[in-house]
């Protein structure tokens, strides 16, 4: 079952699970053996600071149990961004600030291939300086863009940000869901490393590959290499 994504209320799930329950009861009466149910996912996360907190997973589980708990089925679900969305942060460094009359551009070393959602969906991701001492006074309207030669290479457009300069680190928030899985090596850019953090310790769980690894799977066709076919 899939009723949508980024759902921040429980009522749509409650209605859908009731319909699923009715279907299971009907199919069993018709002689079908129903042992497994895929109840999908879809519980959302807040991407903007002003958005309300979604229901706690415990509340979601209670709705599932109330509707389907007595059917004796093995349940499969896809919690997705509910678990990993806010657990992931993309950290990028400012490489240049381009001042213009109407708007300024903050060019960073991350690009659309690292986080595709803004370009693909015009998705909003909060961006904040890693240095928490940076004051919000003097905020200005900027586009946060990457170094790829594409007009669609941006992480944010028309965003109010405090003054930043070359070398500053920015955190692109709520990047844990669909960030890594949608990333690519477009423009021959290497995949960024992934770092797992626990309290004051960290571990690199996916190192940045080398350019040798990037092209290591390529092969030259025999006729291009001068070999007999």
N, C-alpha and C. Protein backbone atom coordinates (compact mmCIF):
# COMPACT_ATOMS: atom_id res chain seq x y z
N UNK A 1 0.84 -1.19 0.00
CA UNK A 1 0.00 0.00 0.00
C UNK A 1 0.88 1.24 0.00
N UNK A 2 0.50 2.20 -0.81
CA UNK A 2 1.22 3.48 -0.82
C UNK A 2 0.20 4.59 -1.00
N UNK A 3 0.06 5.43 0.01
CA UNK A 3 -0.93 6.51 -0.07
C UNK A 3 -0.29 7.87 -0.27
N UNK A 4 1.04 7.91 -0.38
CA UNK A 4 1.71 9.18 -0.61
C UNK A 4 2.94 9.32 0.25
N UNK A 5 3.61 10.45 0.10
CA UNK A 5 4.84 10.73 0.85
C UNK A 5 4.69 12.04 1.62
N UNK A 6 5.53 12.18 2.62
CA UNK A 6 5.60 13.42 3.41
C UNK A 6 4.24 13.75 4.05
N UNK A 7 3.58 12.72 4.57
CA UNK A 7 2.30 12.90 5.27
C UNK A 7 2.59 13.18 6.73
N UNK A 8 2.08 14.27 7.25
CA UNK A 8 2.42 14.69 8.62
C UNK A 8 1.25 14.56 9.59
N UNK A 9 0.22 13.83 9.21
CA UNK A 9 -0.90 13.57 10.10
C UNK A 9 -1.23 12.09 10.12
N UNK A 10 -1.88 11.63 11.17
CA UNK A 10 -2.17 10.22 11.31
C UNK A 10 -3.49 9.80 10.67
N UNK A 11 -4.40 10.75 10.46
CA UNK A 11 -5.73 10.39 9.98
C UNK A 11 -5.71 9.70 8.62
N UNK A 12 -4.90 10.16 7.64
CA UNK A 12 -4.86 9.43 6.36
C UNK A 12 -4.42 7.98 6.52
N UNK A 13 -3.46 7.74 7.42
CA UNK A 13 -3.04 6.36 7.66
C UNK A 13 -4.15 5.55 8.32
N UNK A 14 -4.83 6.16 9.27
CA UNK A 14 -5.92 5.46 9.96
C UNK A 14 -7.00 5.03 8.96
N UNK A 15 -7.36 5.93 8.06
CA UNK A 15 -8.37 5.59 7.05
C UNK A 15 -7.87 4.49 6.11
N UNK A 16 -6.61 4.59 5.69
CA UNK A 16 -6.06 3.60 4.76
C UNK A 16 -5.96 2.22 5.41
N UNK A 17 -5.54 2.19 6.67
CA UNK A 17 -5.42 0.90 7.35
C UNK A 17 -6.78 0.24 7.57
N UNK A 18 -7.81 1.05 7.78
CA UNK A 18 -9.16 0.49 7.91
C UNK A 18 -9.59 -0.17 6.60
N UNK A 19 -9.30 0.50 5.49
CA UNK A 19 -9.63 -0.08 4.19
C UNK A 19 -8.85 -1.36 3.94
N UNK A 20 -7.57 -1.35 4.33
CA UNK A 20 -6.76 -2.56 4.17
C UNK A 20 -7.32 -3.70 5.02
N UNK A 21 -7.72 -3.37 6.23
CA UNK A 21 -8.30 -4.39 7.10
C UNK A 21 -9.56 -5.00 6.46
N UNK A 22 -10.42 -4.13 5.95
CA UNK A 22 -11.65 -4.62 5.31
C UNK A 22 -11.32 -5.52 4.13
N UNK A 23 -10.29 -5.16 3.37
CA UNK A 23 -9.90 -5.97 2.22
C UNK A 23 -9.40 -7.34 2.66
N UNK A 24 -8.58 -7.38 3.70
CA UNK A 24 -8.06 -8.66 4.20
C UNK A 24 -9.21 -9.55 4.66
N UNK A 25 -10.13 -8.98 5.43
CA UNK A 25 -11.28 -9.75 5.90
C UNK A 25 -12.08 -10.30 4.73
N UNK A 26 -12.31 -9.47 3.72
CA UNK A 26 -13.07 -9.90 2.54
C UNK A 26 -12.35 -11.02 1.80
N UNK A 27 -11.05 -10.86 1.59
CA UNK A 27 -10.30 -11.87 0.84
C UNK A 27 -10.24 -13.19 1.59
N UNK A 28 -10.14 -13.13 2.89
CA UNK A 28 -10.12 -14.37 3.67
C UNK A 28 -11.47 -15.08 3.59
N UNK A 29 -12.54 -14.33 3.58
CA UNK A 29 -13.86 -14.94 3.43
C UNK A 29 -14.01 -15.63 2.07
N UNK A 30 -13.28 -15.09 1.09
CA UNK A 30 -13.31 -15.69 -0.25
C UNK A 30 -12.36 -16.87 -0.37
N UNK A 31 -11.68 -17.20 0.71
CA UNK A 31 -10.81 -18.37 0.70
C UNK A 31 -9.34 -18.10 0.46
N UNK A 32 -8.95 -16.86 0.41
CA UNK A 32 -7.54 -16.52 0.18
C UNK A 32 -6.78 -16.50 1.50
N UNK A 33 -5.55 -16.97 1.44
CA UNK A 33 -4.69 -17.01 2.62
C UNK A 33 -3.81 -15.76 2.64
N UNK A 34 -4.12 -14.82 3.48
CA UNK A 34 -3.36 -13.57 3.57
C UNK A 34 -2.49 -13.62 4.82
N UNK A 35 -1.17 -13.66 4.61
CA UNK A 35 -0.24 -13.77 5.73
C UNK A 35 0.65 -12.55 5.89
N UNK A 36 0.85 -11.78 4.82
CA UNK A 36 1.78 -10.65 4.85
C UNK A 36 1.07 -9.40 4.34
N UNK A 37 1.39 -8.28 4.96
CA UNK A 37 0.87 -6.98 4.53
C UNK A 37 2.02 -5.99 4.44
N UNK A 38 2.11 -5.30 3.30
CA UNK A 38 3.05 -4.20 3.16
C UNK A 38 2.26 -2.91 3.33
N UNK A 39 2.47 -2.25 4.46
CA UNK A 39 1.67 -1.06 4.77
C UNK A 39 2.36 0.23 4.33
N UNK A 40 3.46 0.11 3.59
CA UNK A 40 4.10 1.28 3.00
C UNK A 40 4.80 2.15 4.02
N UNK A 41 4.90 3.41 3.69
CA UNK A 41 5.56 4.39 4.56
C UNK A 41 4.84 5.71 4.45
N UNK A 42 5.61 6.79 4.40
CA UNK A 42 5.00 8.08 4.11
C UNK A 42 4.96 9.07 5.24
N UNK A 43 5.26 8.65 6.49
CA UNK A 43 5.25 9.62 7.59
C UNK A 43 6.38 10.62 7.39
N UNK A 44 6.04 11.89 7.33
CA UNK A 44 6.99 12.92 6.92
C UNK A 44 7.84 13.47 8.04
N UNK A 45 8.70 14.39 7.67
CA UNK A 45 9.57 15.10 8.61
C UNK A 45 9.50 16.59 8.27
N UNK A 46 9.78 17.47 9.23
CA UNK A 46 9.77 18.91 8.94
C UNK A 46 11.06 19.32 8.23
N UNK A 47 10.92 20.01 7.12
CA UNK A 47 12.08 20.54 6.40
C UNK A 47 12.33 22.01 6.71
N UNK A 48 11.29 22.71 7.11
CA UNK A 48 11.42 24.13 7.44
C UNK A 48 11.31 24.31 8.95
N UNK A 49 12.06 25.26 9.51
CA UNK A 49 12.04 25.45 10.97
C UNK A 49 10.65 25.72 11.52
N UNK A 50 9.80 26.38 10.73
CA UNK A 50 8.47 26.75 11.24
C UNK A 50 7.45 25.63 11.10
N UNK A 51 7.80 24.54 10.45
CA UNK A 51 6.85 23.45 10.27
C UNK A 51 6.64 22.68 11.58
N UNK A 52 5.42 22.24 11.85
CA UNK A 52 5.16 21.51 13.09
C UNK A 52 5.83 20.15 13.10
N UNK A 53 6.11 19.66 14.29
CA UNK A 53 6.67 18.32 14.42
C UNK A 53 5.61 17.29 14.01
N UNK A 54 6.01 16.29 13.23
CA UNK A 54 5.05 15.25 12.86
C UNK A 54 4.77 14.33 14.05
N UNK A 55 3.79 13.46 13.94
CA UNK A 55 3.51 12.53 15.03
C UNK A 55 4.72 11.66 15.35
N UNK A 56 4.86 11.29 16.60
CA UNK A 56 5.95 10.42 17.02
C UNK A 56 5.72 9.02 16.43
N UNK A 57 6.79 8.31 16.09
CA UNK A 57 6.62 6.94 15.57
C UNK A 57 5.79 6.04 16.48
N UNK A 58 5.83 6.28 17.79
CA UNK A 58 5.00 5.47 18.70
C UNK A 58 3.51 5.68 18.41
N UNK A 59 3.14 6.92 18.09
CA UNK A 59 1.74 7.20 17.77
C UNK A 59 1.34 6.52 16.46
N UNK A 60 2.26 6.52 15.49
CA UNK A 60 2.02 5.82 14.23
C UNK A 60 1.85 4.32 14.48
N UNK A 61 2.72 3.76 15.33
CA UNK A 61 2.64 2.34 15.63
C UNK A 61 1.32 1.99 16.31
N UNK A 62 0.82 2.89 17.15
CA UNK A 62 -0.46 2.64 17.82
C UNK A 62 -1.60 2.57 16.82
N UNK A 63 -1.56 3.43 15.80
CA UNK A 63 -2.59 3.40 14.76
C UNK A 63 -2.53 2.09 13.98
N UNK A 64 -1.31 1.65 13.66
CA UNK A 64 -1.14 0.38 12.96
C UNK A 64 -1.71 -0.77 13.79
N UNK A 65 -1.34 -0.79 15.06
CA UNK A 65 -1.78 -1.88 15.93
C UNK A 65 -3.29 -1.90 16.09
N UNK A 66 -3.90 -0.72 16.24
CA UNK A 66 -5.34 -0.65 16.43
C UNK A 66 -6.10 -1.19 15.22
N UNK A 67 -5.59 -0.92 14.03
CA UNK A 67 -6.31 -1.30 12.81
C UNK A 67 -5.98 -2.71 12.35
N UNK A 68 -4.73 -3.13 12.52
CA UNK A 68 -4.27 -4.37 11.89
C UNK A 68 -3.71 -5.39 12.87
N UNK A 69 -3.62 -5.03 14.13
CA UNK A 69 -2.90 -5.86 15.08
C UNK A 69 -3.48 -7.23 15.32
N UNK A 70 -4.78 -7.41 15.13
CA UNK A 70 -5.40 -8.69 15.43
C UNK A 70 -5.60 -9.57 14.20
N UNK A 71 -5.02 -9.18 13.07
CA UNK A 71 -5.19 -9.96 11.85
C UNK A 71 -4.23 -11.14 11.77
N UNK A 72 -3.20 -11.14 12.61
CA UNK A 72 -2.23 -12.23 12.58
C UNK A 72 -1.31 -12.21 11.38
N UNK A 73 -1.15 -11.06 10.75
CA UNK A 73 -0.29 -10.94 9.57
C UNK A 73 1.09 -10.43 9.97
N UNK A 74 2.07 -10.82 9.18
CA UNK A 74 3.40 -10.22 9.31
C UNK A 74 3.39 -8.90 8.54
N UNK A 75 3.76 -7.83 9.23
CA UNK A 75 3.69 -6.50 8.63
C UNK A 75 5.05 -6.06 8.13
N UNK A 76 5.06 -5.46 6.95
CA UNK A 76 6.26 -4.85 6.38
C UNK A 76 5.97 -3.37 6.18
N UNK A 77 6.92 -2.54 6.57
CA UNK A 77 6.74 -1.11 6.37
C UNK A 77 8.04 -0.47 5.94
N UNK A 78 7.92 0.71 5.39
CA UNK A 78 9.06 1.44 4.84
C UNK A 78 9.14 2.80 5.53
N UNK A 79 9.75 2.86 6.70
CA UNK A 79 9.72 4.11 7.47
C UNK A 79 10.48 5.25 6.83
N UNK A 80 11.52 4.92 6.03
CA UNK A 80 12.20 5.93 5.24
C UNK A 80 12.65 7.16 5.99
N UNK A 81 12.21 8.32 5.48
CA UNK A 81 12.72 9.59 5.99
C UNK A 81 12.31 9.84 7.44
N UNK A 82 11.27 9.15 7.92
CA UNK A 82 10.87 9.30 9.30
C UNK A 82 12.04 8.97 10.24
N UNK A 83 12.90 8.05 9.83
CA UNK A 83 14.04 7.65 10.64
C UNK A 83 15.30 8.41 10.26
N UNK A 84 15.59 8.49 8.96
CA UNK A 84 16.89 8.99 8.53
C UNK A 84 16.89 10.43 8.05
N UNK A 85 15.71 11.01 7.79
CA UNK A 85 15.68 12.35 7.20
C UNK A 85 16.47 13.37 7.98
N UNK A 86 16.10 13.56 9.24
CA UNK A 86 16.77 14.57 10.07
C UNK A 86 18.07 14.07 10.67
N UNK A 87 18.41 12.80 10.43
CA UNK A 87 19.67 12.27 10.94
C UNK A 87 20.84 12.62 10.03
N UNK A 88 20.57 13.09 8.81
CA UNK A 88 21.63 13.38 7.86
C UNK A 88 21.79 14.86 7.60
N UNK A 89 23.03 15.30 7.56
CA UNK A 89 23.37 16.70 7.28
C UNK A 89 24.46 16.72 6.21
N UNK A 90 24.27 17.52 5.18
CA UNK A 90 25.31 17.71 4.16
C UNK A 90 26.14 18.93 4.55
N UNK A 91 27.43 18.71 4.79
CA UNK A 91 28.33 19.80 5.16
C UNK A 91 29.12 20.21 3.93
N UNK A 92 29.08 21.49 3.61
CA UNK A 92 29.76 22.00 2.42
C UNK A 92 30.53 23.27 2.77
N UNK A 93 31.56 23.54 1.98
CA UNK A 93 32.42 24.69 2.24
C UNK A 93 32.22 25.78 1.19
N UNK A 94 32.18 27.02 1.63
CA UNK A 94 32.07 28.15 0.71
C UNK A 94 33.39 28.32 -0.02
N UNK A 95 33.33 28.34 -1.35
CA UNK A 95 34.55 28.54 -2.13
C UNK A 95 34.62 29.93 -2.75
N UNK A 96 33.47 30.61 -2.81
CA UNK A 96 33.49 31.96 -3.39
C UNK A 96 32.15 32.63 -3.11
N UNK A 97 32.19 33.94 -2.93
CA UNK A 97 30.97 34.72 -2.79
C UNK A 97 30.96 35.76 -3.90
N UNK A 98 29.96 35.70 -4.76
CA UNK A 98 29.85 36.61 -5.90
C UNK A 98 28.78 37.65 -5.60
N UNK A 99 29.20 38.88 -5.51
CA UNK A 99 28.28 39.97 -5.21
C UNK A 99 27.68 40.52 -6.50
N UNK A 100 26.38 40.77 -6.47
CA UNK A 100 25.70 41.36 -7.62
C UNK A 100 24.72 42.41 -7.11
N UNK A 101 24.24 43.23 -8.01
CA UNK A 101 23.36 44.32 -7.59
C UNK A 101 22.05 43.80 -7.03
N UNK A 102 21.44 42.86 -7.74
CA UNK A 102 20.13 42.36 -7.31
C UNK A 102 20.22 41.22 -6.32
N UNK A 103 21.26 40.43 -6.44
CA UNK A 103 21.36 39.23 -5.63
C UNK A 103 22.81 38.79 -5.53
N UNK A 104 23.14 38.15 -4.44
CA UNK A 104 24.48 37.59 -4.27
C UNK A 104 24.42 36.08 -4.41
N UNK A 105 25.55 35.51 -4.83
CA UNK A 105 25.65 34.07 -5.01
C UNK A 105 26.71 33.53 -4.06
N UNK A 106 26.35 32.51 -3.31
CA UNK A 106 27.30 31.80 -2.46
C UNK A 106 27.62 30.49 -3.16
N UNK A 107 28.85 30.39 -3.67
CA UNK A 107 29.26 29.18 -4.39
C UNK A 107 29.93 28.24 -3.40
N UNK A 108 29.44 27.01 -3.34
CA UNK A 108 29.95 26.03 -2.38
C UNK A 108 30.52 24.84 -3.14
N UNK A 109 31.23 23.97 -2.41
CA UNK A 109 31.86 22.84 -3.09
C UNK A 109 30.94 21.64 -3.23
N UNK A 110 29.75 21.68 -2.65
CA UNK A 110 28.74 20.65 -2.92
C UNK A 110 27.92 21.07 -4.13
N UNK A 111 27.32 20.10 -4.79
CA UNK A 111 26.62 20.40 -6.03
C UNK A 111 25.35 19.56 -6.15
N UNK A 112 24.66 19.76 -7.26
CA UNK A 112 23.41 19.06 -7.51
C UNK A 112 23.59 17.55 -7.53
N UNK A 113 24.76 17.08 -7.90
CA UNK A 113 24.97 15.63 -7.91
C UNK A 113 25.07 15.06 -6.50
N UNK A 114 25.40 15.91 -5.52
CA UNK A 114 25.49 15.47 -4.13
C UNK A 114 24.14 15.49 -3.44
N UNK A 115 23.32 16.48 -3.76
CA UNK A 115 21.96 16.58 -3.21
C UNK A 115 21.06 17.06 -4.34
N UNK A 116 20.34 16.12 -4.94
CA UNK A 116 19.56 16.40 -6.14
C UNK A 116 18.19 17.00 -5.84
N UNK A 117 17.69 16.86 -4.62
CA UNK A 117 16.31 17.23 -4.34
C UNK A 117 15.97 18.69 -4.66
N UNK A 118 16.81 19.67 -4.32
CA UNK A 118 16.46 21.05 -4.68
C UNK A 118 16.30 21.26 -6.18
N UNK A 119 17.21 20.70 -6.97
CA UNK A 119 17.13 20.86 -8.42
C UNK A 119 15.96 20.07 -9.00
N UNK A 120 15.77 18.86 -8.52
CA UNK A 120 14.76 17.98 -9.11
C UNK A 120 13.35 18.34 -8.69
N UNK A 121 13.17 18.68 -7.41
CA UNK A 121 11.82 18.93 -6.89
C UNK A 121 11.60 20.37 -6.44
N UNK A 122 12.63 21.21 -6.53
CA UNK A 122 12.60 22.52 -5.89
C UNK A 122 12.35 22.36 -4.39
N UNK A 123 12.93 21.30 -3.84
CA UNK A 123 12.73 20.98 -2.42
C UNK A 123 13.49 21.96 -1.54
N UNK A 124 12.91 22.28 -0.40
CA UNK A 124 13.52 23.20 0.55
C UNK A 124 14.35 22.42 1.55
N UNK A 125 15.59 22.85 1.75
CA UNK A 125 16.45 22.35 2.81
C UNK A 125 17.00 23.56 3.56
N UNK A 126 16.79 23.58 4.86
CA UNK A 126 17.34 24.67 5.65
C UNK A 126 18.86 24.65 5.55
N UNK A 127 19.47 25.83 5.43
CA UNK A 127 20.92 25.96 5.37
C UNK A 127 21.36 26.91 6.47
N UNK A 128 22.32 26.49 7.26
CA UNK A 128 22.79 27.33 8.36
C UNK A 128 24.30 27.20 8.48
N UNK A 129 24.97 28.24 8.98
CA UNK A 129 26.42 28.14 9.20
C UNK A 129 26.73 27.08 10.26
N UNK A 130 27.79 26.33 10.04
CA UNK A 130 28.23 25.36 11.04
C UNK A 130 28.69 26.07 12.30
N UNK A 131 29.36 27.20 12.12
CA UNK A 131 29.81 28.00 13.26
C UNK A 131 28.60 28.66 13.90
N UNK A 132 28.20 28.16 15.06
CA UNK A 132 26.98 28.65 15.70
C UNK A 132 27.13 30.06 16.25
N UNK A 133 28.35 30.58 16.27
CA UNK A 133 28.55 31.95 16.75
C UNK A 133 28.21 32.99 15.70
N UNK A 134 28.01 32.55 14.46
CA UNK A 134 27.67 33.49 13.39
C UNK A 134 26.30 34.08 13.67
N UNK A 135 26.22 35.38 13.70
CA UNK A 135 24.96 36.06 14.02
C UNK A 135 24.08 36.17 12.79
N UNK A 136 22.78 36.23 13.02
CA UNK A 136 21.85 36.36 11.90
C UNK A 136 21.71 37.81 11.46
N UNK A 137 22.31 38.73 12.20
CA UNK A 137 22.23 40.14 11.80
C UNK A 137 22.96 40.33 10.48
N UNK A 138 22.41 41.17 9.65
CA UNK A 138 23.01 41.40 8.34
C UNK A 138 22.63 40.36 7.32
N UNK A 139 21.57 39.60 7.57
CA UNK A 139 21.14 38.61 6.59
C UNK A 139 20.83 39.27 5.25
N UNK A 140 21.09 38.53 4.19
CA UNK A 140 20.84 39.07 2.85
C UNK A 140 20.32 37.95 1.96
N UNK A 141 19.74 38.35 0.85
CA UNK A 141 19.15 37.41 -0.09
C UNK A 141 20.24 36.84 -0.99
N UNK A 142 20.35 35.51 -1.02
CA UNK A 142 21.39 34.87 -1.82
C UNK A 142 20.83 33.62 -2.49
N UNK A 143 21.55 33.18 -3.51
CA UNK A 143 21.39 31.84 -4.05
C UNK A 143 22.60 31.03 -3.61
N UNK A 144 22.39 29.85 -3.11
CA UNK A 144 23.49 28.95 -2.76
C UNK A 144 23.62 27.96 -3.90
N UNK A 145 24.74 28.01 -4.60
CA UNK A 145 24.91 27.24 -5.83
C UNK A 145 26.20 26.43 -5.76
N UNK A 146 26.26 25.42 -6.63
CA UNK A 146 27.44 24.58 -6.70
C UNK A 146 28.34 24.97 -7.85
N UNK A 147 29.44 24.24 -8.04
CA UNK A 147 30.43 24.58 -9.07
C UNK A 147 30.21 23.87 -10.40
N UNK A 148 29.12 23.11 -10.53
CA UNK A 148 28.87 22.38 -11.76
C UNK A 148 28.36 23.34 -12.84
N UNK A 149 28.72 23.08 -14.07
CA UNK A 149 28.34 23.96 -15.18
C UNK A 149 26.91 23.68 -15.63
N UNK A 150 25.97 23.94 -14.74
CA UNK A 150 24.55 23.76 -15.01
C UNK A 150 23.79 24.91 -14.37
N UNK A 151 22.81 25.46 -15.09
CA UNK A 151 22.00 26.51 -14.49
C UNK A 151 21.15 25.98 -13.35
N UNK A 152 20.90 24.67 -13.34
CA UNK A 152 20.11 24.07 -12.28
C UNK A 152 20.92 23.61 -11.10
N UNK A 153 22.19 23.95 -11.06
CA UNK A 153 23.03 23.51 -9.94
C UNK A 153 22.87 24.47 -8.77
N UNK A 154 21.89 24.21 -7.93
CA UNK A 154 21.69 25.05 -6.76
C UNK A 154 21.20 24.20 -5.59
N UNK A 155 21.49 24.67 -4.40
CA UNK A 155 20.98 24.06 -3.17
C UNK A 155 19.88 24.91 -2.55
N UNK A 156 19.88 26.20 -2.88
CA UNK A 156 18.83 27.10 -2.38
C UNK A 156 18.78 28.32 -3.28
N UNK A 157 17.59 28.85 -3.47
CA UNK A 157 17.39 30.08 -4.23
C UNK A 157 16.61 31.08 -3.40
N UNK A 158 17.00 32.34 -3.54
CA UNK A 158 16.32 33.43 -2.83
C UNK A 158 16.19 33.12 -1.33
N UNK A 159 17.34 32.81 -0.75
CA UNK A 159 17.37 32.43 0.66
C UNK A 159 18.06 33.51 1.49
N UNK A 160 17.50 33.83 2.63
CA UNK A 160 18.13 34.78 3.54
C UNK A 160 19.17 34.05 4.38
N UNK A 161 20.43 34.50 4.24
CA UNK A 161 21.53 33.90 4.98
C UNK A 161 22.37 35.00 5.62
N UNK A 162 22.98 34.71 6.77
CA UNK A 162 23.92 35.68 7.35
C UNK A 162 25.16 35.78 6.48
N UNK A 163 25.94 36.83 6.64
CA UNK A 163 27.14 36.99 5.82
C UNK A 163 28.09 35.80 6.00
N UNK A 164 28.55 35.26 4.89
CA UNK A 164 29.54 34.18 4.92
C UNK A 164 30.69 34.56 4.00
N UNK A 165 31.79 33.90 4.18
CA UNK A 165 32.96 34.18 3.35
C UNK A 165 33.64 32.87 2.97
N UNK A 166 34.60 32.99 2.10
CA UNK A 166 35.31 31.82 1.59
C UNK A 166 35.91 31.03 2.77
N UNK A 167 35.71 29.73 2.73
CA UNK A 167 36.23 28.85 3.77
C UNK A 167 35.21 28.49 4.83
N UNK A 168 34.12 29.25 4.94
CA UNK A 168 33.10 28.94 5.94
C UNK A 168 32.40 27.63 5.59
N UNK A 169 31.99 26.92 6.63
CA UNK A 169 31.24 25.68 6.45
C UNK A 169 29.75 25.95 6.63
N UNK A 170 28.96 25.36 5.75
CA UNK A 170 27.51 25.46 5.84
C UNK A 170 26.93 24.06 6.01
N UNK A 171 25.87 23.97 6.79
CA UNK A 171 25.17 22.70 7.00
C UNK A 171 23.84 22.74 6.26
N UNK A 172 23.66 21.81 5.35
CA UNK A 172 22.38 21.66 4.64
C UNK A 172 21.60 20.59 5.40
N UNK A 173 20.51 21.00 6.03
CA UNK A 173 19.82 20.15 6.99
C UNK A 173 18.86 19.16 6.31
N UNK A 174 18.48 18.15 7.08
CA UNK A 174 17.49 17.14 6.68
C UNK A 174 17.88 16.51 5.34
N UNK A 175 19.14 16.12 5.23
CA UNK A 175 19.65 15.55 3.99
C UNK A 175 19.79 14.04 4.07
N UNK A 176 19.29 13.43 5.14
CA UNK A 176 19.49 12.01 5.32
C UNK A 176 18.62 11.14 4.43
N UNK A 177 17.48 11.65 4.01
CA UNK A 177 16.58 10.86 3.17
C UNK A 177 16.77 11.22 1.71
N UNK A 178 17.10 10.25 0.91
CA UNK A 178 17.25 10.38 -0.54
C UNK A 178 18.48 11.19 -0.95
N UNK A 179 19.29 11.62 0.00
CA UNK A 179 20.50 12.35 -0.35
C UNK A 179 21.52 11.45 -0.99
N UNK A 180 21.99 10.46 -0.24
CA UNK A 180 23.03 9.57 -0.75
C UNK A 180 22.52 8.70 -1.90
N UNK A 181 21.29 8.21 -1.79
CA UNK A 181 20.80 7.28 -2.81
C UNK A 181 20.56 7.95 -4.15
N UNK A 182 20.32 9.26 -4.16
CA UNK A 182 20.10 9.98 -5.41
C UNK A 182 21.37 10.64 -5.94
N UNK A 183 22.45 10.53 -5.20
CA UNK A 183 23.69 11.19 -5.63
C UNK A 183 24.29 10.44 -6.81
N UNK A 184 25.15 11.13 -7.53
CA UNK A 184 25.75 10.55 -8.73
C UNK A 184 27.15 11.12 -8.93
N UNK A 185 27.82 10.59 -9.94
CA UNK A 185 29.16 11.08 -10.29
C UNK A 185 29.09 11.99 -11.52
N UNK A 186 27.95 12.64 -11.70
CA UNK A 186 27.79 13.56 -12.83
C UNK A 186 28.92 14.59 -12.84
N UNK A 187 29.35 14.95 -14.04
CA UNK A 187 30.46 15.89 -14.22
C UNK A 187 31.77 15.32 -13.71
N UNK A 188 31.84 13.99 -13.61
CA UNK A 188 33.03 13.30 -13.09
C UNK A 188 33.38 13.76 -11.68
N UNK A 189 32.35 14.09 -10.92
CA UNK A 189 32.56 14.46 -9.52
C UNK A 189 32.49 13.20 -8.66
N UNK A 190 33.43 13.07 -7.77
CA UNK A 190 33.47 11.90 -6.90
C UNK A 190 32.36 11.96 -5.87
N UNK A 191 31.82 10.81 -5.53
CA UNK A 191 30.83 10.75 -4.46
C UNK A 191 31.45 11.26 -3.16
N UNK A 192 30.67 11.99 -2.40
CA UNK A 192 31.19 12.54 -1.16
C UNK A 192 31.25 11.45 -0.09
N UNK A 193 32.18 11.56 0.85
CA UNK A 193 32.25 10.56 1.92
C UNK A 193 31.07 10.70 2.87
N UNK A 194 30.74 9.60 3.53
CA UNK A 194 29.70 9.61 4.56
C UNK A 194 30.35 9.35 5.91
N UNK A 195 29.98 10.16 6.88
CA UNK A 195 30.57 10.09 8.22
C UNK A 195 29.46 9.84 9.23
N UNK A 196 29.63 8.81 10.04
CA UNK A 196 28.67 8.50 11.10
C UNK A 196 29.19 9.08 12.41
N UNK A 197 28.33 9.84 13.09
CA UNK A 197 28.74 10.54 14.31
C UNK A 197 27.94 10.00 15.48
N UNK A 198 28.63 9.73 16.57
CA UNK A 198 27.99 9.35 17.83
C UNK A 198 28.64 10.13 18.95
N UNK A 199 27.88 11.02 19.55
CA UNK A 199 28.39 11.88 20.63
C UNK A 199 29.62 12.62 20.12
N UNK A 200 30.78 12.39 20.72
CA UNK A 200 32.00 13.10 20.35
C UNK A 200 32.89 12.28 19.42
N UNK A 201 32.43 11.14 18.96
CA UNK A 201 33.24 10.28 18.10
C UNK A 201 32.60 10.20 16.71
N UNK A 202 33.42 9.83 15.74
CA UNK A 202 32.90 9.69 14.38
C UNK A 202 33.68 8.60 13.65
N UNK A 203 33.09 8.11 12.58
CA UNK A 203 33.74 7.11 11.74
C UNK A 203 33.32 7.35 10.30
N UNK A 204 34.26 7.24 9.39
CA UNK A 204 33.97 7.34 7.96
C UNK A 204 33.41 5.99 7.52
N UNK A 205 32.13 5.95 7.19
CA UNK A 205 31.49 4.68 6.84
C UNK A 205 31.42 4.48 5.32
N UNK A 206 31.62 5.53 4.55
CA UNK A 206 31.78 5.40 3.10
C UNK A 206 32.83 6.40 2.66
N UNK A 207 34.07 5.93 2.43
CA UNK A 207 35.12 6.86 2.02
C UNK A 207 34.84 7.44 0.63
N UNK A 208 35.44 8.60 0.40
CA UNK A 208 35.36 9.17 -0.95
C UNK A 208 36.16 8.28 -1.91
N UNK A 209 35.58 7.85 -3.01
CA UNK A 209 36.34 7.03 -3.96
C UNK A 209 37.39 7.87 -4.68
N UNK A 210 38.31 7.19 -5.32
CA UNK A 210 39.35 7.86 -6.10
C UNK A 210 38.90 7.97 -7.56
N UNK A 211 39.62 8.79 -8.32
CA UNK A 211 39.31 8.88 -9.75
C UNK A 211 39.64 7.56 -10.45
N UNK A 212 40.63 6.85 -9.93
CA UNK A 212 40.94 5.53 -10.49
C UNK A 212 39.75 4.59 -10.32
N UNK A 213 39.11 4.66 -9.16
CA UNK A 213 37.93 3.82 -8.93
C UNK A 213 36.75 4.29 -9.77
N UNK A 214 36.68 5.60 -10.01
CA UNK A 214 35.58 6.14 -10.80
C UNK A 214 35.57 5.57 -12.21
N UNK A 215 36.74 5.43 -12.81
CA UNK A 215 36.82 4.94 -14.19
C UNK A 215 37.33 3.51 -14.26
N UNK A 216 37.52 2.89 -13.08
CA UNK A 216 38.13 1.56 -13.06
C UNK A 216 37.29 0.49 -13.73
N UNK A 217 35.99 0.68 -13.82
CA UNK A 217 35.15 -0.32 -14.45
C UNK A 217 35.01 -0.16 -15.95
N UNK A 218 35.58 0.92 -16.50
CA UNK A 218 35.47 1.16 -17.94
C UNK A 218 36.43 0.24 -18.71
N UNK A 219 36.03 -0.15 -19.89
CA UNK A 219 36.85 -1.00 -20.75
C UNK A 219 36.90 -0.39 -22.15
N UNK A 220 38.04 -0.55 -22.81
CA UNK A 220 38.20 -0.08 -24.19
C UNK A 220 37.75 -1.19 -25.13
N UNK A 221 36.89 -0.83 -26.07
CA UNK A 221 36.43 -1.81 -27.05
C UNK A 221 37.62 -2.32 -27.85
N UNK A 222 37.62 -3.60 -28.20
CA UNK A 222 38.78 -4.17 -28.90
C UNK A 222 39.15 -3.43 -30.17
N UNK A 223 38.13 -2.99 -30.95
CA UNK A 223 38.48 -2.32 -32.21
C UNK A 223 39.07 -0.94 -31.99
N UNK A 224 38.81 -0.35 -30.82
CA UNK A 224 39.43 0.93 -30.51
C UNK A 224 40.83 0.74 -29.97
N UNK A 225 41.09 -0.41 -29.41
CA UNK A 225 42.41 -0.69 -28.85
C UNK A 225 43.34 -1.32 -29.87
N UNK A 226 42.85 -1.49 -31.09
CA UNK A 226 43.68 -2.07 -32.12
C UNK A 226 43.77 -3.58 -32.06
N UNK A 227 42.91 -4.21 -31.26
CA UNK A 227 42.94 -5.66 -31.14
C UNK A 227 41.99 -6.28 -32.15
N UNK A 228 42.23 -7.53 -32.46
CA UNK A 228 41.36 -8.24 -33.40
C UNK A 228 40.03 -8.53 -32.71
N UNK A 229 38.96 -8.43 -33.46
CA UNK A 229 37.64 -8.71 -32.90
C UNK A 229 37.33 -10.19 -33.02
